[in-house]
Amino acid sequence: MSVVRWGFNALPEAIEDLDRMPRHIRADALSLIHDVMRTHIRGPRLDNQQTRELDGCRKLYVGPAADWRVVYIEMPQPSGPRDHRDIVIVAAGPRADLSVYETAAARLRTCRPGGDGTPQAARARSAHAGPSPTTPATRIPAAAPSSRTASRR
C-alpha cells in the first residue's frame, strides 16, 4: 500500500462536476486523483500564453479515449513539510469544445480575489491527510477498480 503524500481539496462545483460524470469515467477520474495524491503521476501543465488564466494548473486525461479532463492546481500546504502539497480540483468534464478549460478559468476568476493565486474555496480534505485545524476532515469517495489500460497520462 502506498502512502498518500498530498492532501485533497476541491471547489464545491468541481465535486458536483465529478458527481455528474458517467460512473465509469468518474471511477477513472478518482483513481487518477488518488495516483496524484500518492505522487505517482502529475498531469501536464496548462500554461497558456494568450490568457494566462490557467497558468499553474494541471490536467489529467480521463477515460478510455482520454476525452474527459480533470483540471487541478498544486498548492503547498500552509503547515507541514516543504514537499507536502494539496491538490485542488478546479473543474472536471468532457474536453469537447474546450468547455472544461473555460469552466476552470471562470471558476479561478471568482476564486482568486486580489489575484494572489490562492483559491478561496471550501476544502474537502482526504481522510489520509489528517485533520486540518481550521476545516473538518472529509472523505473523498474511494475509486472503483479501473479498466485504464490505454488511457494517456
N, C-alpha and C. Protein backbone atom coordinates (compact mmCIF):
# COMPACT_ATOMS: atom_id res chain seq x y z
N MET A 1 0.85 -1.18 0.00
CA MET A 1 0.00 0.00 0.00
C MET A 1 0.89 1.24 0.00
N SER A 2 0.65 2.13 -0.91
CA SER A 2 1.48 3.33 -0.99
C SER A 2 0.94 4.41 -0.07
N VAL A 3 1.81 5.29 0.34
CA VAL A 3 1.49 6.35 1.28
C VAL A 3 0.92 7.54 0.51
N VAL A 4 -0.15 8.11 1.05
CA VAL A 4 -0.71 9.33 0.47
C VAL A 4 0.12 10.49 0.98
N ARG A 5 0.73 11.22 0.06
CA ARG A 5 1.62 12.31 0.44
C ARG A 5 1.00 13.68 0.22
N TRP A 6 0.03 13.77 -0.64
CA TRP A 6 -0.57 15.06 -0.93
C TRP A 6 -2.00 15.07 -0.41
N GLY A 7 -2.45 16.22 0.07
CA GLY A 7 -3.83 16.37 0.51
C GLY A 7 -4.75 16.63 -0.66
N PHE A 8 -6.03 16.52 -0.40
CA PHE A 8 -7.05 16.71 -1.43
C PHE A 8 -7.97 17.85 -1.02
N ASN A 9 -8.19 18.77 -1.94
CA ASN A 9 -9.13 19.87 -1.79
C ASN A 9 -9.86 20.02 -3.11
N ALA A 10 -11.02 20.62 -3.06
CA ALA A 10 -11.77 20.81 -4.29
C ALA A 10 -12.72 21.98 -4.15
N LEU A 11 -12.94 22.67 -5.24
CA LEU A 11 -14.02 23.65 -5.26
C LEU A 11 -15.32 22.87 -5.18
N PRO A 12 -16.33 23.36 -4.48
CA PRO A 12 -17.60 22.64 -4.39
C PRO A 12 -18.18 22.31 -5.76
N GLU A 13 -18.02 23.22 -6.71
CA GLU A 13 -18.54 22.98 -8.06
C GLU A 13 -17.82 21.82 -8.74
N ALA A 14 -16.53 21.65 -8.42
CA ALA A 14 -15.76 20.56 -9.02
C ALA A 14 -16.24 19.21 -8.49
N ILE A 15 -16.64 19.16 -7.22
CA ILE A 15 -17.21 17.93 -6.68
C ILE A 15 -18.51 17.60 -7.43
N GLU A 16 -19.30 18.62 -7.71
CA GLU A 16 -20.53 18.42 -8.48
C GLU A 16 -20.20 17.94 -9.89
N ASP A 17 -19.13 18.48 -10.49
CA ASP A 17 -18.69 18.01 -11.81
C ASP A 17 -18.40 16.51 -11.77
N LEU A 18 -17.65 16.08 -10.76
CA LEU A 18 -17.32 14.66 -10.64
C LEU A 18 -18.57 13.81 -10.46
N ASP A 19 -19.52 14.31 -9.68
CA ASP A 19 -20.77 13.57 -9.47
C ASP A 19 -21.58 13.41 -10.75
N ARG A 20 -21.47 14.38 -11.65
CA ARG A 20 -22.24 14.33 -12.91
C ARG A 20 -21.58 13.45 -13.98
N MET A 21 -20.35 13.06 -13.78
CA MET A 21 -19.67 12.22 -14.78
C MET A 21 -20.32 10.84 -14.84
N PRO A 22 -20.27 10.21 -16.01
CA PRO A 22 -20.70 8.81 -16.08
C PRO A 22 -19.88 7.97 -15.09
N ARG A 23 -20.50 6.95 -14.55
CA ARG A 23 -19.88 6.17 -13.47
C ARG A 23 -18.48 5.65 -13.80
N HIS A 24 -18.32 5.08 -14.99
CA HIS A 24 -17.00 4.52 -15.34
C HIS A 24 -15.96 5.62 -15.53
N ILE A 25 -16.36 6.79 -16.00
CA ILE A 25 -15.44 7.91 -16.16
C ILE A 25 -15.07 8.47 -14.78
N ARG A 26 -16.07 8.59 -13.90
CA ARG A 26 -15.80 9.07 -12.54
C ARG A 26 -14.84 8.14 -11.82
N ALA A 27 -15.01 6.83 -11.98
CA ALA A 27 -14.11 5.86 -11.35
C ALA A 27 -12.68 6.07 -11.84
N ASP A 28 -12.51 6.30 -13.14
CA ASP A 28 -11.19 6.59 -13.71
C ASP A 28 -10.62 7.88 -13.11
N ALA A 29 -11.45 8.92 -13.06
CA ALA A 29 -11.00 10.21 -12.54
C ALA A 29 -10.56 10.08 -11.08
N LEU A 30 -11.35 9.40 -10.27
CA LEU A 30 -10.98 9.24 -8.86
C LEU A 30 -9.71 8.42 -8.70
N SER A 31 -9.55 7.42 -9.54
CA SER A 31 -8.33 6.61 -9.50
C SER A 31 -7.11 7.46 -9.85
N LEU A 32 -7.23 8.30 -10.86
CA LEU A 32 -6.12 9.18 -11.23
C LEU A 32 -5.82 10.20 -10.14
N ILE A 33 -6.88 10.74 -9.52
CA ILE A 33 -6.69 11.70 -8.42
C ILE A 33 -5.93 11.02 -7.28
N HIS A 34 -6.30 9.79 -6.97
CA HIS A 34 -5.59 9.05 -5.92
C HIS A 34 -4.13 8.84 -6.32
N ASP A 35 -3.86 8.55 -7.59
CA ASP A 35 -2.48 8.40 -8.05
C ASP A 35 -1.69 9.70 -7.86
N VAL A 36 -2.32 10.83 -8.15
CA VAL A 36 -1.65 12.11 -7.96
C VAL A 36 -1.36 12.32 -6.47
N MET A 37 -2.33 11.99 -5.63
CA MET A 37 -2.15 12.17 -4.19
C MET A 37 -1.00 11.32 -3.66
N ARG A 38 -0.75 10.21 -4.30
CA ARG A 38 0.37 9.35 -3.92
C ARG A 38 1.64 9.74 -4.66
N THR A 39 1.57 10.80 -5.46
CA THR A 39 2.67 11.36 -6.27
C THR A 39 3.24 10.36 -7.27
N HIS A 40 2.41 9.44 -7.72
CA HIS A 40 2.85 8.53 -8.77
C HIS A 40 2.84 9.22 -10.13
N ILE A 41 1.95 10.16 -10.29
CA ILE A 41 1.84 10.86 -11.57
C ILE A 41 1.62 12.34 -11.31
N ARG A 42 1.84 13.15 -12.32
CA ARG A 42 1.48 14.56 -12.33
C ARG A 42 0.97 14.86 -13.72
N GLY A 43 -0.12 15.58 -13.79
CA GLY A 43 -0.66 15.94 -15.09
C GLY A 43 0.17 17.02 -15.75
N PRO A 44 0.09 17.11 -17.08
CA PRO A 44 0.80 18.18 -17.80
C PRO A 44 0.29 19.56 -17.39
N ARG A 45 1.16 20.54 -17.45
CA ARG A 45 0.78 21.92 -17.11
C ARG A 45 -0.14 22.51 -18.18
N LEU A 46 -0.96 23.45 -17.77
CA LEU A 46 -1.90 24.11 -18.67
C LEU A 46 -1.53 25.57 -18.90
N ASP A 47 -0.26 25.88 -18.95
CA ASP A 47 0.14 27.27 -19.15
C ASP A 47 -0.29 27.73 -20.54
N ASN A 48 -0.93 28.88 -20.59
CA ASN A 48 -1.47 29.42 -21.83
C ASN A 48 -0.90 30.82 -22.01
N GLN A 49 -0.13 31.02 -23.05
CA GLN A 49 0.50 32.31 -23.29
C GLN A 49 -0.51 33.41 -23.60
N GLN A 50 -1.69 33.07 -24.11
CA GLN A 50 -2.64 34.09 -24.52
C GLN A 50 -3.43 34.66 -23.33
N THR A 51 -4.04 33.78 -22.53
CA THR A 51 -4.89 34.30 -21.45
C THR A 51 -4.23 34.23 -20.09
N ARG A 52 -3.34 33.28 -19.89
CA ARG A 52 -2.64 33.07 -18.63
C ARG A 52 -3.59 32.76 -17.47
N GLU A 53 -4.88 32.56 -17.75
CA GLU A 53 -5.84 32.27 -16.68
C GLU A 53 -5.61 30.90 -16.05
N LEU A 54 -5.06 29.98 -16.80
CA LEU A 54 -4.85 28.63 -16.28
C LEU A 54 -3.39 28.35 -15.95
N ASP A 55 -2.57 29.40 -15.90
CA ASP A 55 -1.17 29.22 -15.51
C ASP A 55 -1.10 28.55 -14.15
N GLY A 56 -0.26 27.56 -14.04
CA GLY A 56 -0.10 26.84 -12.79
C GLY A 56 -1.03 25.66 -12.63
N CYS A 57 -2.06 25.58 -13.48
CA CYS A 57 -2.98 24.45 -13.42
C CYS A 57 -2.39 23.25 -14.15
N ARG A 58 -2.88 22.10 -13.82
CA ARG A 58 -2.50 20.86 -14.49
C ARG A 58 -3.77 20.13 -14.89
N LYS A 59 -3.61 19.16 -15.80
CA LYS A 59 -4.78 18.41 -16.27
C LYS A 59 -4.49 16.92 -16.18
N LEU A 60 -5.56 16.16 -16.03
CA LEU A 60 -5.49 14.70 -16.10
C LEU A 60 -6.35 14.26 -17.26
N TYR A 61 -5.84 13.32 -18.05
CA TYR A 61 -6.60 12.73 -19.15
C TYR A 61 -7.41 11.57 -18.57
N VAL A 62 -8.71 11.59 -18.79
CA VAL A 62 -9.59 10.59 -18.18
C VAL A 62 -10.41 9.89 -19.26
N GLY A 63 -10.65 8.61 -19.04
CA GLY A 63 -11.49 7.82 -19.93
C GLY A 63 -10.69 7.03 -20.93
N PRO A 64 -11.31 6.00 -21.49
CA PRO A 64 -10.60 5.14 -22.44
C PRO A 64 -10.12 5.89 -23.68
N ALA A 65 -10.84 6.92 -24.10
CA ALA A 65 -10.43 7.70 -25.26
C ALA A 65 -9.76 9.01 -24.84
N ALA A 66 -9.50 9.18 -23.54
CA ALA A 66 -8.88 10.40 -22.99
C ALA A 66 -9.65 11.65 -23.42
N ASP A 67 -10.98 11.55 -23.45
CA ASP A 67 -11.79 12.67 -23.90
C ASP A 67 -12.46 13.42 -22.74
N TRP A 68 -12.05 13.13 -21.52
CA TRP A 68 -12.50 13.85 -20.33
C TRP A 68 -11.26 14.41 -19.64
N ARG A 69 -11.45 15.50 -18.88
CA ARG A 69 -10.34 16.13 -18.18
C ARG A 69 -10.71 16.45 -16.74
N VAL A 70 -9.69 16.43 -15.90
CA VAL A 70 -9.78 16.97 -14.54
C VAL A 70 -8.71 18.06 -14.48
N VAL A 71 -9.11 19.27 -14.13
CA VAL A 71 -8.19 20.40 -14.03
C VAL A 71 -7.94 20.65 -12.54
N TYR A 72 -6.66 20.72 -12.17
CA TYR A 72 -6.32 20.93 -10.76
C TYR A 72 -5.10 21.83 -10.62
N ILE A 73 -4.91 22.30 -9.38
CA ILE A 73 -3.77 23.13 -9.03
C ILE A 73 -3.03 22.42 -7.91
N GLU A 74 -1.71 22.50 -7.91
CA GLU A 74 -0.90 22.01 -6.80
C GLU A 74 -0.55 23.21 -5.93
N MET A 75 -0.82 23.08 -4.64
CA MET A 75 -0.52 24.18 -3.72
C MET A 75 0.21 23.65 -2.50
N PRO A 76 1.22 24.37 -2.03
CA PRO A 76 1.89 23.93 -0.80
C PRO A 76 0.92 24.03 0.37
N GLN A 77 1.01 23.08 1.29
CA GLN A 77 0.16 23.16 2.47
C GLN A 77 0.70 24.24 3.38
N PRO A 78 -0.21 24.98 4.03
CA PRO A 78 0.24 26.06 4.89
C PRO A 78 1.14 25.58 6.04
N SER A 79 0.85 24.40 6.55
CA SER A 79 1.70 23.87 7.61
C SER A 79 2.08 22.45 7.23
N GLY A 80 3.30 22.11 7.43
CA GLY A 80 3.75 20.77 7.08
C GLY A 80 5.07 20.81 6.36
N PRO A 81 5.56 19.64 5.97
CA PRO A 81 6.85 19.57 5.27
C PRO A 81 6.81 20.35 3.96
N ARG A 82 7.97 20.79 3.53
CA ARG A 82 8.07 21.58 2.30
C ARG A 82 7.56 20.83 1.08
N ASP A 83 7.76 19.51 1.06
CA ASP A 83 7.35 18.75 -0.11
C ASP A 83 5.90 18.28 -0.05
N HIS A 84 5.19 18.61 1.03
CA HIS A 84 3.79 18.20 1.13
C HIS A 84 2.90 19.25 0.49
N ARG A 85 2.07 18.81 -0.40
CA ARG A 85 1.19 19.73 -1.13
C ARG A 85 -0.25 19.25 -1.06
N ASP A 86 -1.13 20.15 -1.42
CA ASP A 86 -2.53 19.82 -1.63
C ASP A 86 -2.79 19.93 -3.12
N ILE A 87 -3.64 19.05 -3.62
CA ILE A 87 -4.16 19.28 -4.96
C ILE A 87 -5.55 19.86 -4.78
N VAL A 88 -5.87 20.85 -5.59
CA VAL A 88 -7.18 21.49 -5.54
C VAL A 88 -7.84 21.25 -6.89
N ILE A 89 -8.90 20.46 -6.89
CA ILE A 89 -9.63 20.19 -8.13
C ILE A 89 -10.46 21.43 -8.45
N VAL A 90 -10.30 21.95 -9.65
CA VAL A 90 -10.98 23.17 -10.08
C VAL A 90 -12.19 22.85 -10.95
N ALA A 91 -12.05 21.89 -11.86
CA ALA A 91 -13.14 21.53 -12.77
C ALA A 91 -12.89 20.13 -13.31
N ALA A 92 -13.97 19.49 -13.74
CA ALA A 92 -13.89 18.18 -14.37
C ALA A 92 -15.01 18.08 -15.38
N GLY A 93 -14.71 17.50 -16.53
CA GLY A 93 -15.74 17.35 -17.55
C GLY A 93 -15.16 16.94 -18.87
N PRO A 94 -16.04 16.87 -19.89
CA PRO A 94 -15.56 16.48 -21.22
C PRO A 94 -14.67 17.57 -21.82
N ARG A 95 -13.70 17.14 -22.61
CA ARG A 95 -12.80 18.08 -23.26
C ARG A 95 -13.45 18.75 -24.46
N ALA A 96 -14.48 18.16 -25.01
CA ALA A 96 -15.13 18.68 -26.21
C ALA A 96 -15.36 20.19 -26.11
N ASP A 97 -15.02 20.89 -27.18
CA ASP A 97 -15.19 22.35 -27.27
C ASP A 97 -14.42 23.11 -26.20
N LEU A 98 -13.46 22.45 -25.54
CA LEU A 98 -12.64 23.08 -24.50
C LEU A 98 -13.45 23.64 -23.35
N SER A 99 -14.69 23.18 -23.18
CA SER A 99 -15.57 23.75 -22.15
C SER A 99 -15.04 23.54 -20.74
N VAL A 100 -14.36 22.43 -20.48
CA VAL A 100 -13.84 22.20 -19.14
C VAL A 100 -12.78 23.24 -18.79
N TYR A 101 -12.00 23.68 -19.77
CA TYR A 101 -10.99 24.70 -19.52
C TYR A 101 -11.63 26.08 -19.31
N GLU A 102 -12.66 26.37 -20.08
CA GLU A 102 -13.38 27.64 -19.90
C GLU A 102 -14.03 27.68 -18.53
N THR A 103 -14.60 26.55 -18.10
CA THR A 103 -15.20 26.47 -16.77
C THR A 103 -14.15 26.68 -15.69
N ALA A 104 -13.00 26.03 -15.84
CA ALA A 104 -11.92 26.17 -14.86
C ALA A 104 -11.47 27.63 -14.78
N ALA A 105 -11.28 28.28 -15.92
CA ALA A 105 -10.84 29.68 -15.94
C ALA A 105 -11.87 30.58 -15.25
N ALA A 106 -13.14 30.35 -15.53
CA ALA A 106 -14.19 31.16 -14.90
C ALA A 106 -14.20 30.96 -13.39
N ARG A 107 -14.03 29.74 -12.95
CA ARG A 107 -14.02 29.48 -11.50
C ARG A 107 -12.81 30.11 -10.84
N LEU A 108 -11.68 30.06 -11.50
CA LEU A 108 -10.48 30.67 -10.92
C LEU A 108 -10.62 32.18 -10.83
N ARG A 109 -11.30 32.79 -11.80
CA ARG A 109 -11.51 34.24 -11.75
C ARG A 109 -12.31 34.61 -10.50
N THR A 110 -13.31 33.81 -10.15
CA THR A 110 -14.13 34.13 -8.98
C THR A 110 -13.49 33.68 -7.67
N CYS A 111 -12.53 32.75 -7.73
CA CYS A 111 -11.89 32.22 -6.52
C CYS A 111 -10.62 32.94 -6.15
N ARG A 112 -10.13 33.78 -7.01
CA ARG A 112 -8.84 34.44 -6.75
C ARG A 112 -9.01 35.93 -6.53
N PRO A 113 -9.75 36.31 -5.49
CA PRO A 113 -9.86 37.75 -5.24
C PRO A 113 -8.50 38.32 -4.88
N GLY A 114 -8.20 39.46 -5.41
CA GLY A 114 -6.92 40.09 -5.16
C GLY A 114 -5.80 39.53 -6.02
N GLY A 115 -6.09 38.49 -6.80
CA GLY A 115 -5.10 37.95 -7.72
C GLY A 115 -3.89 37.33 -7.06
N ASP A 116 -4.02 36.85 -5.81
CA ASP A 116 -2.84 36.27 -5.16
C ASP A 116 -2.61 34.82 -5.56
N GLY A 117 -3.46 34.27 -6.41
CA GLY A 117 -3.24 32.92 -6.90
C GLY A 117 -3.73 31.83 -5.97
N THR A 118 -4.39 32.18 -4.87
CA THR A 118 -4.87 31.18 -3.93
C THR A 118 -6.38 31.02 -4.06
N PRO A 119 -6.84 29.86 -4.45
CA PRO A 119 -8.29 29.66 -4.49
C PRO A 119 -8.89 29.81 -3.11
N GLN A 120 -9.90 30.63 -3.01
CA GLN A 120 -10.63 30.80 -1.76
C GLN A 120 -11.87 29.92 -1.85
N ALA A 121 -11.73 28.66 -1.45
CA ALA A 121 -12.80 27.71 -1.64
C ALA A 121 -12.93 26.81 -0.44
N ALA A 122 -14.03 26.08 -0.41
CA ALA A 122 -14.21 25.07 0.62
C ALA A 122 -13.15 24.00 0.43
N ARG A 123 -12.65 23.48 1.50
CA ARG A 123 -11.59 22.49 1.43
C ARG A 123 -12.15 21.15 1.84
N ALA A 124 -12.14 20.19 0.93
CA ALA A 124 -12.56 18.83 1.23
C ALA A 124 -11.30 18.00 1.32
N ARG A 125 -10.86 17.72 2.52
CA ARG A 125 -9.56 17.08 2.72
C ARG A 125 -9.70 15.58 2.71
N SER A 126 -8.63 14.93 2.29
CA SER A 126 -8.55 13.48 2.35
C SER A 126 -8.47 13.04 3.79
N ALA A 127 -9.14 11.95 4.12
CA ALA A 127 -9.05 11.40 5.46
C ALA A 127 -7.62 10.95 5.76
N HIS A 128 -6.83 10.64 4.73
CA HIS A 128 -5.46 10.20 4.90
C HIS A 128 -4.51 11.35 5.20
N ALA A 129 -4.90 12.56 4.90
CA ALA A 129 -4.03 13.71 5.09
C ALA A 129 -4.06 14.22 6.52
N GLY A 130 -5.00 13.74 7.32
CA GLY A 130 -5.12 14.20 8.70
C GLY A 130 -5.98 15.43 8.80
N PRO A 131 -6.53 15.68 9.97
CA PRO A 131 -7.43 16.83 10.12
C PRO A 131 -6.69 18.15 10.03
N SER A 132 -7.37 19.12 9.51
CA SER A 132 -6.85 20.48 9.43
C SER A 132 -7.34 21.24 10.66
N PRO A 133 -6.56 22.14 11.21
CA PRO A 133 -7.01 22.86 12.38
C PRO A 133 -8.17 23.80 12.10
N THR A 134 -8.40 24.16 10.84
CA THR A 134 -9.45 25.11 10.54
C THR A 134 -10.62 24.52 9.78
N THR A 135 -10.50 23.31 9.26
CA THR A 135 -11.58 22.72 8.50
C THR A 135 -11.78 21.28 8.93
N PRO A 136 -13.03 20.80 8.89
CA PRO A 136 -13.26 19.41 9.27
C PRO A 136 -12.74 18.47 8.20
N ALA A 137 -12.31 17.30 8.62
CA ALA A 137 -11.83 16.29 7.67
C ALA A 137 -13.03 15.69 6.96
N THR A 138 -12.90 15.46 5.68
CA THR A 138 -13.95 14.86 4.87
C THR A 138 -13.33 13.76 4.03
N ARG A 139 -14.11 12.77 3.72
CA ARG A 139 -13.60 11.67 2.90
C ARG A 139 -14.00 11.88 1.46
N ILE A 140 -13.09 11.56 0.55
CA ILE A 140 -13.47 11.53 -0.85
C ILE A 140 -13.86 10.10 -1.16
N PRO A 141 -14.76 9.89 -2.11
CA PRO A 141 -15.17 8.52 -2.41
C PRO A 141 -14.00 7.69 -2.92
N ALA A 142 -13.97 6.47 -2.50
CA ALA A 142 -12.92 5.56 -2.98
C ALA A 142 -13.17 5.24 -4.43
N ALA A 143 -12.12 5.18 -5.19
CA ALA A 143 -12.25 4.87 -6.61
C ALA A 143 -12.51 3.39 -6.79
N ALA A 144 -13.42 3.08 -7.67
CA ALA A 144 -13.66 1.70 -8.02
C ALA A 144 -12.50 1.19 -8.85
N PRO A 145 -12.26 -0.11 -8.86
CA PRO A 145 -11.20 -0.62 -9.74
C PRO A 145 -11.43 -0.14 -11.16
N SER A 146 -10.37 0.26 -11.78
CA SER A 146 -10.47 0.88 -13.09
C SER A 146 -9.96 -0.04 -14.19
N SER A 147 -10.48 0.18 -15.37
CA SER A 147 -10.01 -0.60 -16.52
C SER A 147 -9.12 0.28 -17.40
N ARG A 148 -8.37 1.20 -16.79
CA ARG A 148 -7.50 2.10 -17.54
C ARG A 148 -6.31 1.32 -18.05
N THR A 149 -6.38 0.92 -19.27
CA THR A 149 -5.23 0.21 -19.82
C THR A 149 -4.53 1.06 -20.87
N ALA A 150 -5.31 1.79 -21.64
CA ALA A 150 -4.70 2.55 -22.73
C ALA A 150 -4.87 4.04 -22.52
N SER A 151 -5.31 4.49 -21.31
CA SER A 151 -5.51 5.92 -21.10
C SER A 151 -4.17 6.64 -21.12
N ARG A 152 -4.16 7.78 -21.78
CA ARG A 152 -2.95 8.60 -21.77
C ARG A 152 -2.85 9.23 -20.40
N ARG A 153 -1.64 9.44 -19.94
CA ARG A 153 -1.46 10.09 -18.64
C ARG A 153 -0.60 11.29 -18.80
